[in-house]
Amino acid sequence: AYTRGARLAQSKMAEVEAGLVSLSGEADGAFDDEDAAWRYKVLPEAAGPPNLYTVTVRVTRDIQGRPIEVSLTQMIFDPAVM
């Protein structure tokens, strides 16, 4: 489950890097199809220099009542202004 969560977090981070997810505020939702039980939250924070953000992607799921969470953090220049 942690491996799948890590891959989903990497996938969502790639969407942020590609500009498909805006860095203007938090974003959250659920994945599609066979990953519909997984939820994500994208948390951008300004990192100082213009257009640079520290982005955290959290992916969560409950399996048999036990919460699973994977978190990925990366610094990203806002692709909307690059």
Protein backbone atom coordinates (compact mmCIF):
# COMPACT_ATOMS: atom_id res chain seq x y z
CA ALA A 1 0.00 0.00 0.00
CA TYR A 2 2.85 2.42 0.79
CA THR A 3 4.46 1.73 -2.57
CA ARG A 4 1.20 2.46 -4.40
CA GLY A 5 0.72 5.61 -2.33
CA ALA A 6 4.24 6.79 -3.17
CA ARG A 7 3.64 6.27 -6.88
CA LEU A 8 0.36 8.17 -6.72
CA ALA A 9 2.09 11.04 -4.87
CA GLN A 10 4.82 11.13 -7.54
CA SER A 11 2.17 11.17 -10.24
CA LYS A 12 0.34 14.10 -8.64
CA MET A 13 3.63 15.97 -8.14
CA ALA A 14 4.35 15.51 -11.86
CA GLU A 15 0.97 17.11 -12.60
CA VAL A 16 1.98 20.07 -10.42
CA GLU A 17 5.30 20.38 -12.29
CA ALA A 18 3.47 20.27 -15.63
CA GLY A 19 1.12 23.08 -14.55
CA LEU A 20 -2.01 20.89 -14.46
CA VAL A 21 -2.49 21.68 -10.76
CA SER A 22 -2.40 25.36 -9.80
CA LEU A 23 -0.05 26.61 -7.11
CA SER A 24 -2.39 29.48 -6.22
CA GLY A 25 -3.93 27.50 -3.35
CA GLU A 26 -4.52 24.08 -1.86
CA ALA A 27 -6.04 21.37 -4.04
CA ASP A 28 -7.56 18.08 -2.99
CA GLY A 29 -9.62 15.26 -4.38
CA ALA A 30 -9.70 11.56 -5.13
CA PHE A 31 -7.93 9.54 -7.77
CA ASP A 32 -9.84 7.75 -10.53
CA ASP A 33 -10.68 4.14 -11.42
CA GLU A 34 -8.93 1.45 -9.37
CA ASP A 35 -7.29 4.11 -7.17
CA ALA A 36 -10.60 5.78 -6.20
CA ALA A 37 -10.07 4.85 -2.52
CA TRP A 38 -6.97 7.07 -2.43
CA ARG A 39 -7.31 10.80 -1.73
CA TYR A 40 -4.73 13.53 -2.30
CA LYS A 41 -4.02 17.02 -1.02
CA VAL A 42 -1.58 19.46 -2.66
CA LEU A 43 -0.18 22.10 -0.28
CA PRO A 44 1.91 24.86 -1.93
CA GLU A 45 3.81 27.39 0.19
CA ALA A 46 5.80 30.35 -1.08
CA ALA A 47 9.49 29.62 -0.48
CA GLY A 48 10.97 33.10 -0.64
CA PRO A 49 12.24 33.90 -4.13
CA PRO A 50 9.53 34.90 -6.62
CA ASN A 51 7.63 31.98 -8.17
CA LEU A 52 9.38 29.35 -6.02
CA TYR A 53 7.16 27.09 -3.93
CA THR A 54 7.64 24.27 -1.49
CA VAL A 55 4.96 21.81 -2.56
CA THR A 56 3.79 18.93 -0.39
CA VAL A 57 1.58 16.20 -1.81
CA ARG A 58 -0.17 14.00 0.77
CA VAL A 59 -1.87 10.81 -0.35
CA THR A 60 -4.11 8.95 2.10
CA ARG A 61 -6.28 5.86 2.31
CA ASP A 62 -7.85 3.70 5.01
CA ILE A 63 -7.26 -0.04 4.77
CA GLN A 64 -9.28 -2.13 7.20
CA GLY A 65 -9.67 0.89 9.49
CA ARG A 66 -5.96 1.74 9.49
CA PRO A 67 -4.94 5.05 7.92
CA ILE A 68 -2.14 4.98 5.36
CA GLU A 69 -0.43 8.28 4.47
CA VAL A 70 2.41 9.03 2.09
CA SER A 71 3.86 12.53 1.86
CA LEU A 72 6.17 13.94 -0.81
CA THR A 73 7.73 17.45 -0.65
CA GLN A 74 9.62 19.22 -3.42
CA MET A 75 10.59 22.77 -4.37
CA ILE A 76 9.04 23.83 -7.68
CA PHE A 77 9.10 26.98 -9.76
CA ASP A 78 5.55 27.91 -10.74
CA PRO A 79 5.15 26.55 -14.30
CA ALA A 80 2.39 29.10 -14.99
CA VAL A 81 4.97 31.92 -15.03
CA MET A 82 7.98 30.07 -16.45
